Amino acid sequence: KSFLLVLDTRFSDIELREEEGIPTEEFLESCYAIVPVLDKLGPTVFAPVKMDFVGNIKKINQKFITNKEEFDTLQKIVLHEVNAGVAQVRNSATEALLWLKRGLKFLKGFLTEVKNGEKNIQTAL
């Protein structure tokens, strides 16, 4: 079995809350589960991606742990930061979420290229 198939925590398992959005804790757990995948893909080539990925996860988690009940969804974190006028501040959880989303899209694109048969890692990247 592929190591991707045996991940304990998957994004596809996250239950979207109808009115509230994406549960923060489950999202962060799914993100953390991706980190070992980056090591398997290439600890040297993916080192900058991993560092960025982990840093953004930590920023969101730091906001989450300040008030787990209030920030139980990503949307609540973003709305809180927008209302406080800090959403666009460097190192905000909102900025981290934006970069984390970009990192996930990049990783998905790379894995799609590999799945489609691309053997050259530079071309796939």
PDB file of N, CA and C in Angstrom:
ATOM      1  N   LYS A   1       0.834  -1.202   0.000  1.00  0.00           N
ATOM      2  CA  LYS A   1       0.000   0.000   0.000  1.00  0.00           C
ATOM      3  C   LYS A   1       0.865   1.247   0.000  1.00  0.00           C
ATOM      4  N   SER A   2       0.397   2.258  -0.680  1.00  0.00           N
ATOM      5  CA  SER A   2       1.074   3.543  -0.701  1.00  0.00           C
ATOM      6  C   SER A   2       0.929   4.209   0.667  1.00  0.00           C
ATOM      7  N   PHE A   3       1.978   4.927   1.069  1.00  0.00           N
ATOM      8  CA  PHE A   3       1.909   5.639   2.350  1.00  0.00           C
ATOM      9  C   PHE A   3       0.805   6.684   2.341  1.00  0.00           C
ATOM     10  N   LEU A   4       0.382   7.136   1.171  1.00  0.00           N
ATOM     11  CA  LEU A   4      -0.717   8.107   1.092  1.00  0.00           C
ATOM     12  C   LEU A   4      -2.057   7.474   1.456  1.00  0.00           C
ATOM     13  N   LEU A   5      -2.183   6.173   1.227  1.00  0.00           N
ATOM     14  CA  LEU A   5      -3.445   5.493   1.493  1.00  0.00           C
ATOM     15  C   LEU A   5      -3.633   5.133   2.960  1.00  0.00           C
ATOM     16  N   VAL A   6      -2.556   5.167   3.738  1.00  0.00           N
ATOM     17  CA  VAL A   6      -2.650   4.743   5.135  1.00  0.00           C
ATOM     18  C   VAL A   6      -2.559   5.916   6.116  1.00  0.00           C
ATOM     19  N   LEU A   7      -2.741   7.122   5.643  1.00  0.00           N
ATOM     20  CA  LEU A   7      -2.749   8.274   6.542  1.00  0.00           C
ATOM     21  C   LEU A   7      -3.910   8.153   7.514  1.00  0.00           C
ATOM     22  N   ASP A   8      -3.624   8.399   8.785  1.00  0.00           N
ATOM     23  CA  ASP A   8      -4.667   8.313   9.812  1.00  0.00           C
ATOM     24  C   ASP A   8      -5.687   9.442   9.696  1.00  0.00           C
ATOM     25  N   THR A   9      -5.207  10.601   9.342  1.00  0.00           N
ATOM     26  CA  THR A   9      -6.059  11.778   9.273  1.00  0.00           C
ATOM     27  C   THR A   9      -6.077  12.285   7.839  1.00  0.00           C
ATOM     28  N   ARG A  10      -7.271  12.437   7.288  1.00  0.00           N
ATOM     29  CA  ARG A  10      -7.409  12.878   5.899  1.00  0.00           C
ATOM     30  C   ARG A  10      -8.350  14.067   5.811  1.00  0.00           C
ATOM     31  N   PHE A  11      -8.085  14.912   4.852  1.00  0.00           N
ATOM     32  CA  PHE A  11      -8.971  16.057   4.623  1.00  0.00           C
ATOM     33  C   PHE A  11     -10.372  15.586   4.247  1.00  0.00           C
ATOM     34  N   SER A  12     -10.451  14.489   3.529  1.00  0.00           N
ATOM     35  CA  SER A  12     -11.750  13.984   3.083  1.00  0.00           C
ATOM     36  C   SER A  12     -12.620  13.502   4.246  1.00  0.00           C
ATOM     37  N   ASP A  13     -12.016  13.267   5.410  1.00  0.00           N
ATOM     38  CA  ASP A  13     -12.768  12.833   6.583  1.00  0.00           C
ATOM     39  C   ASP A  13     -13.345  13.998   7.397  1.00  0.00           C
ATOM     40  N   ILE A  14     -12.926  15.205   7.075  1.00  0.00           N
ATOM     41  CA  ILE A  14     -13.399  16.373   7.819  1.00  0.00           C
ATOM     42  C   ILE A  14     -14.853  16.649   7.451  1.00  0.00           C
ATOM     43  N   GLU A  15     -15.686  16.772   8.471  1.00  0.00           N
ATOM     44  CA  GLU A  15     -17.094  17.088   8.239  1.00  0.00           C
ATOM     45  C   GLU A  15     -17.290  18.601   8.284  1.00  0.00           C
ATOM     46  N   LEU A  16     -17.680  19.140   7.155  1.00  0.00           N
ATOM     47  CA  LEU A  16     -17.934  20.569   7.054  1.00  0.00           C
ATOM     48  C   LEU A  16     -19.171  20.911   7.877  1.00  0.00           C
ATOM     49  N   ARG A  17     -19.042  21.908   8.724  1.00  0.00           N
ATOM     50  CA  ARG A  17     -20.186  22.355   9.525  1.00  0.00           C
ATOM     51  C   ARG A  17     -20.991  23.323   8.677  1.00  0.00           C
ATOM     52  N   GLU A  18     -22.233  22.972   8.461  1.00  0.00           N
ATOM     53  CA  GLU A  18     -23.111  23.684   7.520  1.00  0.00           C
ATOM     54  C   GLU A  18     -22.987  25.205   7.592  1.00  0.00           C
ATOM     55  N   GLU A  19     -23.218  25.774   8.729  1.00  0.00           N
ATOM     56  CA  GLU A  19     -23.210  27.230   8.857  1.00  0.00           C
ATOM     57  C   GLU A  19     -21.869  27.779   9.332  1.00  0.00           C
ATOM     58  N   GLU A  20     -21.104  26.955  10.024  1.00  0.00           N
ATOM     59  CA  GLU A  20     -19.901  27.454  10.686  1.00  0.00           C
ATOM     60  C   GLU A  20     -18.627  27.275   9.886  1.00  0.00           C
ATOM     61  N   GLY A  21     -18.561  26.271   9.030  1.00  0.00           N
ATOM     62  CA  GLY A  21     -17.387  26.091   8.193  1.00  0.00           C
ATOM     63  C   GLY A  21     -16.520  24.894   8.535  1.00  0.00           C
ATOM     64  N   ILE A  22     -15.225  25.063   8.347  1.00  0.00           N
ATOM     65  CA  ILE A  22     -14.248  23.980   8.482  1.00  0.00           C
ATOM     66  C   ILE A  22     -13.726  23.924   9.918  1.00  0.00           C
ATOM     67  N   PRO A  23     -13.869  22.772  10.583  1.00  0.00           N
ATOM     68  CA  PRO A  23     -13.374  22.640  11.957  1.00  0.00           C
ATOM     69  C   PRO A  23     -11.851  22.805  12.011  1.00  0.00           C
ATOM     70  N   THR A  24     -11.398  23.709  12.838  1.00  0.00           N
ATOM     71  CA  THR A  24      -9.982  24.048  12.918  1.00  0.00           C
ATOM     72  C   THR A  24      -9.121  22.861  13.337  1.00  0.00           C
ATOM     73  N   GLU A  25      -9.507  22.198  14.405  1.00  0.00           N
ATOM     74  CA  GLU A  25      -8.668  21.124  14.936  1.00  0.00           C
ATOM     75  C   GLU A  25      -8.480  19.991  13.924  1.00  0.00           C
ATOM     76  N   GLU A  26      -9.557  19.567  13.303  1.00  0.00           N
ATOM     77  CA  GLU A  26      -9.470  18.486  12.319  1.00  0.00           C
ATOM     78  C   GLU A  26      -8.648  18.915  11.103  1.00  0.00           C
ATOM     79  N   PHE A  27      -8.801  20.168  10.684  1.00  0.00           N
ATOM     80  CA  PHE A  27      -8.020  20.682   9.563  1.00  0.00           C
ATOM     81  C   PHE A  27      -6.533  20.664   9.896  1.00  0.00           C
ATOM     82  N   LEU A  28      -6.180  21.141  11.085  1.00  0.00           N
ATOM     83  CA  LEU A  28      -4.774  21.164  11.490  1.00  0.00           C
ATOM     84  C   LEU A  28      -4.201  19.750  11.591  1.00  0.00           C
ATOM     85  N   GLU A  29      -4.990  18.818  12.113  1.00  0.00           N
ATOM     86  CA  GLU A  29      -4.529  17.421  12.200  1.00  0.00           C
ATOM     87  C   GLU A  29      -4.254  16.865  10.806  1.00  0.00           C
ATOM     88  N   SER A  30      -5.111  17.164   9.852  1.00  0.00           N
ATOM     89  CA  SER A  30      -4.913  16.704   8.475  1.00  0.00           C
ATOM     90  C   SER A  30      -3.668  17.341   7.863  1.00  0.00           C
ATOM     91  N   CYS A  31      -3.440  18.604   8.174  1.00  0.00           N
ATOM     92  CA  CYS A  31      -2.239  19.281   7.670  1.00  0.00           C
ATOM     93  C   CYS A  31      -0.976  18.651   8.256  1.00  0.00           C
ATOM     94  N   TYR A  32      -0.980  18.404   9.562  1.00  0.00           N
ATOM     95  CA  TYR A  32       0.180  17.774  10.203  1.00  0.00           C
ATOM     96  C   TYR A  32       0.451  16.389   9.621  1.00  0.00           C
ATOM     97  N   ALA A  33      -0.597  15.693   9.200  1.00  0.00           N
ATOM     98  CA  ALA A  33      -0.432  14.347   8.629  1.00  0.00           C
ATOM     99  C   ALA A  33       0.301  14.393   7.288  1.00  0.00           C
ATOM    100  N   ILE A  34       0.293  15.532   6.628  1.00  0.00           N
ATOM    101  CA  ILE A  34       0.964  15.686   5.334  1.00  0.00           C
ATOM    102  C   ILE A  34       2.480  15.829   5.506  1.00  0.00           C
ATOM    103  N   VAL A  35       2.929  16.314   6.647  1.00  0.00           N
ATOM    104  CA  VAL A  35       4.351  16.612   6.850  1.00  0.00           C
ATOM    105  C   VAL A  35       5.253  15.395   6.571  1.00  0.00           C
ATOM    106  N   PRO A  36       4.952  14.197   7.089  1.00  0.00           N
ATOM    107  CA  PRO A  36       5.800  13.045   6.767  1.00  0.00           C
ATOM    108  C   PRO A  36       5.798  12.701   5.272  1.00  0.00           C
ATOM    109  N   VAL A  37       4.724  13.032   4.582  1.00  0.00           N
ATOM    110  CA  VAL A  37       4.650  12.802   3.133  1.00  0.00           C
ATOM    111  C   VAL A  37       5.728  13.631   2.435  1.00  0.00           C
ATOM    112  N   LEU A  38       5.916  14.857   2.895  1.00  0.00           N
ATOM    113  CA  LEU A  38       6.944  15.721   2.303  1.00  0.00           C
ATOM    114  C   LEU A  38       8.330  15.117   2.490  1.00  0.00           C
ATOM    115  N   ASP A  39       8.567  14.500   3.652  1.00  0.00           N
ATOM    116  CA  ASP A  39       9.848  13.823   3.890  1.00  0.00           C
ATOM    117  C   ASP A  39      10.036  12.645   2.934  1.00  0.00           C
ATOM    118  N   LYS A  40       8.977  11.904   2.694  1.00  0.00           N
ATOM    119  CA  LYS A  40       9.041  10.755   1.786  1.00  0.00           C
ATOM    120  C   LYS A  40       9.291  11.198   0.346  1.00  0.00           C
ATOM    121  N   LEU A  41       8.737  12.342  -0.029  1.00  0.00           N
ATOM    122  CA  LEU A  41       8.882  12.832  -1.394  1.00  0.00           C
ATOM    123  C   LEU A  41      10.312  13.283  -1.692  1.00  0.00           C
ATOM    124  N   GLY A  42      10.979  13.741  -0.673  1.00  0.00           N
ATOM    125  CA  GLY A  42      12.352  14.206  -0.864  1.00  0.00           C
ATOM    126  C   GLY A  42      12.725  15.193   0.214  1.00  0.00           C
ATOM    127  N   PRO A  43      13.446  14.711   1.236  1.00  0.00           N
ATOM    128  CA  PRO A  43      13.751  15.586   2.373  1.00  0.00           C
ATOM    129  C   PRO A  43      14.573  16.819   1.992  1.00  0.00           C
ATOM    130  N   THR A  44      15.338  16.736   0.935  1.00  0.00           N
ATOM    131  CA  THR A  44      16.135  17.885   0.510  1.00  0.00           C
ATOM    132  C   THR A  44      15.337  18.798  -0.401  1.00  0.00           C
ATOM    133  N   VAL A  45      14.749  18.230  -1.447  1.00  0.00           N
ATOM    134  CA  VAL A  45      14.000  19.010  -2.418  1.00  0.00           C
ATOM    135  C   VAL A  45      12.804  19.703  -1.768  1.00  0.00           C
ATOM    136  N   PHE A  46      12.137  19.012  -0.867  1.00  0.00           N
ATOM    137  CA  PHE A  46      10.922  19.556  -0.257  1.00  0.00           C
ATOM    138  C   PHE A  46      11.168  20.242   1.089  1.00  0.00           C
ATOM    139  N   ALA A  47      12.430  20.390   1.484  1.00  0.00           N
ATOM    140  CA  ALA A  47      12.730  21.030   2.772  1.00  0.00           C
ATOM    141  C   ALA A  47      12.140  22.437   2.875  1.00  0.00           C
ATOM    142  N   PRO A  48      12.290  23.302   1.865  1.00  0.00           N
ATOM    143  CA  PRO A  48      11.691  24.643   1.981  1.00  0.00           C
ATOM    144  C   PRO A  48      10.162  24.599   2.044  1.00  0.00           C
ATOM    145  N   VAL A  49       9.572  23.682   1.272  1.00  0.00           N
ATOM    146  CA  VAL A  49       8.114  23.541   1.286  1.00  0.00           C
ATOM    147  C   VAL A  49       7.666  23.084   2.670  1.00  0.00           C
ATOM    148  N   LYS A  50       8.368  22.105   3.218  1.00  0.00           N
ATOM    149  CA  LYS A  50       8.025  21.575   4.543  1.00  0.00           C
ATOM    150  C   LYS A  50       8.148  22.670   5.607  1.00  0.00           C
ATOM    151  N   MET A  51       9.229  23.433   5.558  1.00  0.00           N
ATOM    152  CA  MET A  51       9.443  24.479   6.546  1.00  0.00           C
ATOM    153  C   MET A  51       8.316  25.516   6.491  1.00  0.00           C
ATOM    154  N   ASP A  52       7.941  25.918   5.295  1.00  0.00           N
ATOM    155  CA  ASP A  52       6.863  26.876   5.105  1.00  0.00           C
ATOM    156  C   ASP A  52       5.531  26.291   5.575  1.00  0.00           C
ATOM    157  N   PHE A  53       5.288  25.067   5.193  1.00  0.00           N
ATOM    158  CA  PHE A  53       4.071  24.344   5.546  1.00  0.00           C
ATOM    159  C   PHE A  53       3.907  24.269   7.064  1.00  0.00           C
ATOM    160  N   VAL A  54       4.942  23.784   7.738  1.00  0.00           N
ATOM    161  CA  VAL A  54       4.901  23.623   9.202  1.00  0.00           C
ATOM    162  C   VAL A  54       4.771  24.978   9.893  1.00  0.00           C
ATOM    163  N   GLY A  55       5.483  25.981   9.390  1.00  0.00           N
ATOM    164  CA  GLY A  55       5.391  27.311   9.986  1.00  0.00           C
ATOM    165  C   GLY A  55       3.979  27.872   9.924  1.00  0.00           C
ATOM    166  N   ASN A  56       3.311  27.680   8.803  1.00  0.00           N
ATOM    167  CA  ASN A  56       1.942  28.176   8.659  1.00  0.00           C
ATOM    168  C   ASN A  56       0.960  27.382   9.512  1.00  0.00           C
ATOM    169  N   ILE A  57       1.162  26.083   9.621  1.00  0.00           N
ATOM    170  CA  ILE A  57       0.315  25.271  10.499  1.00  0.00           C
ATOM    171  C   ILE A  57       0.449  25.770  11.936  1.00  0.00           C
ATOM    172  N   LYS A  58       1.676  26.030  12.350  1.00  0.00           N
ATOM    173  CA  LYS A  58       1.932  26.484  13.727  1.00  0.00           C
ATOM    174  C   LYS A  58       1.273  27.841  14.005  1.00  0.00           C
ATOM    175  N   LYS A  59       1.307  28.747  13.032  1.00  0.00           N
ATOM    176  CA  LYS A  59       0.686  30.066  13.221  1.00  0.00           C
ATOM    177  C   LYS A  59      -0.820  29.934  13.436  1.00  0.00           C
ATOM    178  N   ILE A  60      -1.441  29.084  12.643  1.00  0.00           N
ATOM    179  CA  ILE A  60      -2.889  28.873  12.800  1.00  0.00           C
ATOM    180  C   ILE A  60      -3.162  28.200  14.132  1.00  0.00           C
ATOM    181  N   ASN A  61      -2.348  27.220  14.489  1.00  0.00           N
ATOM    182  CA  ASN A  61      -2.531  26.506  15.760  1.00  0.00           C
ATOM    183  C   ASN A  61      -2.345  27.446  16.953  1.00  0.00           C
ATOM    184  N   GLN A  62      -1.386  28.356  16.862  1.00  0.00           N
ATOM    185  CA  GLN A  62      -1.165  29.309  17.959  1.00  0.00           C
ATOM    186  C   GLN A  62      -2.410  30.160  18.196  1.00  0.00           C
ATOM    187  N   LYS A  63      -3.053  30.573  17.126  1.00  0.00           N
ATOM    188  CA  LYS A  63      -4.296  31.346  17.263  1.00  0.00           C
ATOM    189  C   LYS A  63      -5.393  30.462  17.851  1.00  0.00           C
ATOM    190  N   PHE A  64      -5.503  29.252  17.334  1.00  0.00           N
ATOM    191  CA  PHE A  64      -6.533  28.308  17.777  1.00  0.00           C
ATOM    192  C   PHE A  64      -6.435  28.040  19.279  1.00  0.00           C
ATOM    193  N   ILE A  65      -5.236  27.789  19.778  1.00  0.00           N
ATOM    194  CA  ILE A  65      -5.096  27.409  21.195  1.00  0.00           C
ATOM    195  C   ILE A  65      -5.322  28.574  22.161  1.00  0.00           C
ATOM    196  N   THR A  66      -5.384  29.803  21.641  1.00  0.00           N
ATOM    197  CA  THR A  66      -5.702  30.922  22.532  1.00  0.00           C
ATOM    198  C   THR A  66      -7.149  30.882  23.004  1.00  0.00           C
ATOM    199  N   ASN A  67      -8.022  30.258  22.193  1.00  0.00           N
ATOM    200  CA  ASN A  67      -9.426  30.122  22.575  1.00  0.00           C
ATOM    201  C   ASN A  67     -10.071  29.070  21.671  1.00  0.00           C
ATOM    202  N   LYS A  68      -9.915  27.806  22.054  1.00  0.00           N
ATOM    203  CA  LYS A  68     -10.381  26.703  21.212  1.00  0.00           C
ATOM    204  C   LYS A  68     -11.883  26.731  20.951  1.00  0.00           C
ATOM    205  N   GLU A  69     -12.637  27.209  21.912  1.00  0.00           N
ATOM    206  CA  GLU A  69     -14.095  27.268  21.715  1.00  0.00           C
ATOM    207  C   GLU A  69     -14.484  28.366  20.732  1.00  0.00           C
ATOM    208  N   GLU A  70     -13.880  29.532  20.883  1.00  0.00           N
ATOM    209  CA  GLU A  70     -14.208  30.652  19.994  1.00  0.00           C
ATOM    210  C   GLU A  70     -13.701  30.404  18.568  1.00  0.00           C
ATOM    211  N   PHE A  71     -12.537  29.775  18.458  1.00  0.00           N
ATOM    212  CA  PHE A  71     -11.902  29.576  17.157  1.00  0.00           C
ATOM    213  C   PHE A  71     -12.010  28.128  16.682  1.00  0.00           C
ATOM    214  N   ASP A  72     -13.162  27.525  16.892  1.00  0.00           N
ATOM    215  CA  ASP A  72     -13.339  26.113  16.540  1.00  0.00           C
ATOM    216  C   ASP A  72     -13.474  25.878  15.036  1.00  0.00           C
ATOM    217  N   THR A  73     -13.629  26.957  14.244  1.00  0.00           N
ATOM    218  CA  THR A  73     -13.608  26.810  12.781  1.00  0.00           C
ATOM    219  C   THR A  73     -12.627  27.835  12.198  1.00  0.00           C
ATOM    220  N   LEU A  74     -12.123  27.523  11.036  1.00  0.00           N
ATOM    221  CA  LEU A  74     -11.199  28.441  10.363  1.00  0.00           C
ATOM    222  C   LEU A  74     -11.894  29.759  10.042  1.00  0.00           C
ATOM    223  N   GLN A  75     -13.158  29.668   9.667  1.00  0.00           N
ATOM    224  CA  GLN A  75     -13.908  30.869   9.326  1.00  0.00           C
ATOM    225  C   GLN A  75     -14.004  31.822  10.527  1.00  0.00           C
ATOM    226  N   LYS A  76     -14.172  31.283  11.709  1.00  0.00           N
ATOM    227  CA  LYS A  76     -14.255  32.127  12.909  1.00  0.00           C
ATOM    228  C   LYS A  76     -12.926  32.821  13.188  1.00  0.00           C
ATOM    229  N   ILE A  77     -11.825  32.143  12.924  1.00  0.00           N
ATOM    230  CA  ILE A  77     -10.509  32.762  13.093  1.00  0.00           C
ATOM    231  C   ILE A  77     -10.366  33.933  12.118  1.00  0.00           C
ATOM    232  N   VAL A  78     -10.675  33.679  10.859  1.00  0.00           N
ATOM    233  CA  VAL A  78     -10.537  34.720   9.836  1.00  0.00           C
ATOM    234  C   VAL A  78     -11.456  35.901  10.139  1.00  0.00           C
ATOM    235  N   LEU A  79     -12.713  35.640  10.466  1.00  0.00           N
ATOM    236  CA  LEU A  79     -13.649  36.730  10.779  1.00  0.00           C
ATOM    237  C   LEU A  79     -13.182  37.543  11.989  1.00  0.00           C
ATOM    238  N   HIS A  80     -12.659  36.856  12.990  1.00  0.00           N
ATOM    239  CA  HIS A  80     -12.133  37.553  14.172  1.00  0.00           C
ATOM    240  C   HIS A  80     -10.998  38.490  13.777  1.00  0.00           C
ATOM    241  N   GLU A  81     -10.068  37.985  12.948  1.00  0.00           N
ATOM    242  CA  GLU A  81      -8.928  38.808  12.549  1.00  0.00           C
ATOM    243  C   GLU A  81      -9.349  39.944  11.615  1.00  0.00           C
ATOM    244  N   VAL A  82     -10.317  39.703  10.751  1.00  0.00           N
ATOM    245  CA  VAL A  82     -10.830  40.769   9.878  1.00  0.00           C
ATOM    246  C   VAL A  82     -11.459  41.866  10.734  1.00  0.00           C
ATOM    247  N   ASN A  83     -12.305  41.481  11.680  1.00  0.00           N
ATOM    248  CA  ASN A  83     -12.973  42.453  12.552  1.00  0.00           C
ATOM    249  C   ASN A  83     -11.995  43.209  13.443  1.00  0.00           C
ATOM    250  N   ALA A  84     -10.887  42.547  13.815  1.00  0.00           N
ATOM    251  CA  ALA A  84      -9.876  43.188  14.658  1.00  0.00           C
ATOM    252  C   ALA A  84      -8.893  44.014  13.823  1.00  0.00           C
ATOM    253  N   GLY A  85      -9.007  43.917  12.497  1.00  0.00           N
ATOM    254  CA  GLY A  85      -8.132  44.673  11.614  1.00  0.00           C
ATOM    255  C   GLY A  85      -6.721  44.120  11.507  1.00  0.00           C
ATOM    256  N   VAL A  86      -6.556  42.833  11.799  1.00  0.00           N
ATOM    257  CA  VAL A  86      -5.213  42.242  11.759  1.00  0.00           C
ATOM    258  C   VAL A  86      -5.081  41.112  10.732  1.00  0.00           C
ATOM    259  N   ALA A  87      -6.107  40.896   9.925  1.00  0.00           N
ATOM    260  CA  ALA A  87      -6.089  39.784   8.972  1.00  0.00           C
ATOM    261  C   ALA A  87      -4.946  39.901   7.967  1.00  0.00           C
ATOM    262  N   GLN A  88      -4.586  41.132   7.612  1.00  0.00           N
ATOM    263  CA  GLN A  88      -3.536  41.322   6.611  1.00  0.00           C
ATOM    264  C   GLN A  88      -2.172  41.615   7.228  1.00  0.00           C
ATOM    265  N   VAL A  89      -2.094  41.507   8.538  1.00  0.00           N
ATOM    266  CA  VAL A  89      -0.831  41.726   9.230  1.00  0.00           C
ATOM    267  C   VAL A  89       0.068  40.510   9.030  1.00  0.00           C
ATOM    268  N   ARG A  90       1.351  40.777   8.838  1.00  0.00           N
ATOM    269  CA  ARG A  90       2.313  39.687   8.675  1.00  0.00           C
ATOM    270  C   ARG A  90       2.237  38.735   9.875  1.00  0.00           C
ATOM    271  N   ASN A  91       2.259  37.459   9.597  1.00  0.00           N
ATOM    272  CA  ASN A  91       2.199  36.383  10.600  1.00  0.00           C
ATOM    273  C   ASN A  91       0.826  36.197  11.235  1.00  0.00           C
ATOM    274  N   SER A  92      -0.205  36.791  10.668  1.00  0.00           N
ATOM    275  CA  SER A  92      -1.551  36.538  11.182  1.00  0.00           C
ATOM    276  C   SER A  92      -1.959  35.116  10.799  1.00  0.00           C
ATOM    277  N   ALA A  93      -2.929  34.582  11.505  1.00  0.00           N
ATOM    278  CA  ALA A  93      -3.435  33.246  11.176  1.00  0.00           C
ATOM    279  C   ALA A  93      -4.100  33.262   9.796  1.00  0.00           C
ATOM    280  N   THR A  94      -4.712  34.380   9.450  1.00  0.00           N
ATOM    281  CA  THR A  94      -5.358  34.502   8.139  1.00  0.00           C
ATOM    282  C   THR A  94      -4.321  34.432   7.016  1.00  0.00           C
ATOM    283  N   GLU A  95      -3.221  35.147   7.176  1.00  0.00           N
ATOM    284  CA  GLU A  95      -2.146  35.092   6.185  1.00  0.00           C
ATOM    285  C   GLU A  95      -1.563  33.675   6.115  1.00  0.00           C
ATOM    286  N   ALA A  96      -1.376  33.051   7.273  1.00  0.00           N
ATOM    287  CA  ALA A  96      -0.851  31.683   7.313  1.00  0.00           C
ATOM    288  C   ALA A  96      -1.788  30.720   6.592  1.00  0.00           C
ATOM    289  N   LEU A  97      -3.088  30.907   6.773  1.00  0.00           N
ATOM    290  CA  LEU A  97      -4.069  30.050   6.106  1.00  0.00           C
ATOM    291  C   LEU A  97      -4.005  30.232   4.592  1.00  0.00           C
ATOM    292  N   LEU A  98      -3.836  31.453   4.146  1.00  0.00           N
ATOM    293  CA  LEU A  98      -3.704  31.725   2.713  1.00  0.00           C
ATOM    294  C   LEU A  98      -2.491  30.988   2.137  1.00  0.00           C
ATOM    295  N   TRP A  99      -1.348  31.099   2.799  1.00  0.00           N
ATOM    296  CA  TRP A  99      -0.130  30.441   2.308  1.00  0.00           C
ATOM    297  C   TRP A  99      -0.207  28.923   2.444  1.00  0.00           C
ATOM    298  N   LEU A 100      -0.880  28.459   3.470  1.00  0.00           N
ATOM    299  CA  LEU A 100      -1.063  27.019   3.632  1.00  0.00           C
ATOM    300  C   LEU A 100      -1.926  26.471   2.500  1.00  0.00           C
ATOM    301  N   LYS A 101      -2.972  27.196   2.154  1.00  0.00           N
ATOM    302  CA  LYS A 101      -3.823  26.791   1.023  1.00  0.00           C
ATOM    303  C   LYS A 101      -3.008  26.736  -0.264  1.00  0.00           C
ATOM    304  N   ARG A 102      -2.171  27.725  -0.479  1.00  0.00           N
ATOM    305  CA  ARG A 102      -1.320  27.740  -1.676  1.00  0.00           C
ATOM    306  C   ARG A 102      -0.363  26.548  -1.671  1.00  0.00           C
ATOM    307  N   GLY A 103       0.185  26.232  -0.504  1.00  0.00           N
ATOM    308  CA  GLY A 103       1.084  25.084  -0.388  1.00  0.00           C
ATOM    309  C   GLY A 103       0.371  23.773  -0.676  1.00  0.00           C
ATOM    310  N   LEU A 104      -0.849  23.644  -0.186  1.00  0.00           N
ATOM    311  CA  LEU A 104      -1.632  22.436  -0.443  1.00  0.00           C
ATOM    312  C   LEU A 104      -1.960  22.299  -1.932  1.00  0.00           C
ATOM    313  N   LYS A 105      -2.296  23.415  -2.573  1.00  0.00           N
ATOM    314  CA  LYS A 105      -2.585  23.380  -4.016  1.00  0.00           C
ATOM    315  C   LYS A 105      -1.330  23.001  -4.805  1.00  0.00           C
ATOM    316  N   PHE A 106      -0.186  23.524  -4.392  1.00  0.00           N
ATOM    317  CA  PHE A 106       1.080  23.185  -5.040  1.00  0.00           C
ATOM    318  C   PHE A 106       1.361  21.688  -4.898  1.00  0.00           C
ATOM    319  N   LEU A 107       1.208  21.172  -3.688  1.00  0.00           N
ATOM    320  CA  LEU A 107       1.449  19.757  -3.435  1.00  0.00           C
ATOM    321  C   LEU A 107       0.494  18.885  -4.243  1.00  0.00           C
ATOM    322  N   LYS A 108      -0.766  19.282  -4.296  1.00  0.00           N
ATOM    323  CA  LYS A 108      -1.740  18.531  -5.093  1.00  0.00           C
ATOM    324  C   LYS A 108      -1.348  18.522  -6.567  1.00  0.00           C
ATOM    325  N   GLY A 109      -0.934  19.662  -7.069  1.00  0.00           N
ATOM    326  CA  GLY A 109      -0.511  19.746  -8.466  1.00  0.00           C
ATOM    327  C   GLY A 109       0.696  18.863  -8.749  1.00  0.00           C
ATOM    328  N   PHE A 110       1.657  18.876  -7.844  1.00  0.00           N
ATOM    329  CA  PHE A 110       2.846  18.040  -7.995  1.00  0.00           C
ATOM    330  C   PHE A 110       2.466  16.562  -8.003  1.00  0.00           C
ATOM    331  N   LEU A 111       1.667  16.157  -7.021  1.00  0.00           N
ATOM    332  CA  LEU A 111       1.271  14.741  -6.929  1.00  0.00           C
ATOM    333  C   LEU A 111       0.429  14.315  -8.130  1.00  0.00           C
ATOM    334  N   THR A 112      -0.360  15.215  -8.661  1.00  0.00           N
ATOM    335  CA  THR A 112      -1.142  14.915  -9.865  1.00  0.00           C
ATOM    336  C   THR A 112      -0.211  14.647 -11.049  1.00  0.00           C
ATOM    337  N   GLU A 113       0.822  15.471 -11.182  1.00  0.00           N
ATOM    338  CA  GLU A 113       1.797  15.269 -12.256  1.00  0.00           C
ATOM    339  C   GLU A 113       2.478  13.903 -12.129  1.00  0.00           C
ATOM    340  N   VAL A 114       2.873  13.558 -10.903  1.00  0.00           N
ATOM    341  CA  VAL A 114       3.527  12.263 -10.667  1.00  0.00           C
ATOM    342  C   VAL A 114       2.554  11.125 -10.970  1.00  0.00           C
ATOM    343  N   LYS A 115       1.331  11.265 -10.495  1.00  0.00           N
ATOM    344  CA  LYS A 115       0.309  10.239 -10.745  1.00  0.00           C
ATOM    345  C   LYS A 115       0.060  10.054 -12.238  1.00  0.00           C
ATOM    346  N   ASN A 116       0.133  11.135 -12.984  1.00  0.00           N
ATOM    347  CA  ASN A 116      -0.096  11.081 -14.429  1.00  0.00           C
ATOM    348  C   ASN A 116       1.116  10.570 -15.198  1.00  0.00           C
ATOM    349  N   GLY A 117       2.172  10.179 -14.467  1.00  0.00           N
ATOM    350  CA  GLY A 117       3.302   9.526 -15.113  1.00  0.00           C
ATOM    351  C   GLY A 117       4.572  10.341 -15.268  1.00  0.00           C
ATOM    352  N   GLU A 118       4.577  11.574 -14.785  1.00  0.00           N
ATOM    353  CA  GLU A 118       5.788  12.387 -14.903  1.00  0.00           C
ATOM    354  C   GLU A 118       6.906  11.808 -14.023  1.00  0.00           C
ATOM    355  N   LYS A 119       8.017  11.471 -14.628  1.00  0.00           N
ATOM    356  CA  LYS A 119       9.132  10.845 -13.898  1.00  0.00           C
ATOM    357  C   LYS A 119      10.175  11.872 -13.443  1.00  0.00           C
ATOM    358  N   ASN A 120      10.260  12.996 -14.153  1.00  0.00           N
ATOM    359  CA  ASN A 120      11.240  14.017 -13.822  1.00  0.00           C
ATOM    360  C   ASN A 120      10.679  14.933 -12.731  1.00  0.00           C
ATOM    361  N   ILE A 121      11.334  14.946 -11.571  1.00  0.00           N
ATOM    362  CA  ILE A 121      10.817  15.704 -10.429  1.00  0.00           C
ATOM    363  C   ILE A 121      10.789  17.211 -10.728  1.00  0.00           C
ATOM    364  N   GLN A 122      11.796  17.711 -11.445  1.00  0.00           N
ATOM    365  CA  GLN A 122      11.823  19.137 -11.782  1.00  0.00           C
ATOM    366  C   GLN A 122      10.652  19.526 -12.668  1.00  0.00           C
ATOM    367  N   THR A 123      10.338  18.666 -13.629  1.00  0.00           N
ATOM    368  CA  THR A 123       9.213  18.930 -14.520  1.00  0.00           C
ATOM    369  C   THR A 123       7.904  18.888 -13.737  1.00  0.00           C
ATOM    370  N   ALA A 124       7.785  17.904 -12.846  1.00  0.00           N
ATOM    371  CA  ALA A 124       6.573  17.775 -12.027  1.00  0.00           C
ATOM    372  C   ALA A 124       6.407  18.989 -11.114  1.00  0.00           C
ATOM    373  N   LEU A 125       7.521  19.486 -10.592  1.00  0.00           N
ATOM    374  CA  LEU A 125       7.452  20.673  -9.734  1.00  0.00           C
ATOM    375  C   LEU A 125       7.038  21.882 -10.542  1.00  0.00           C
TER     376      LEU A 125
END
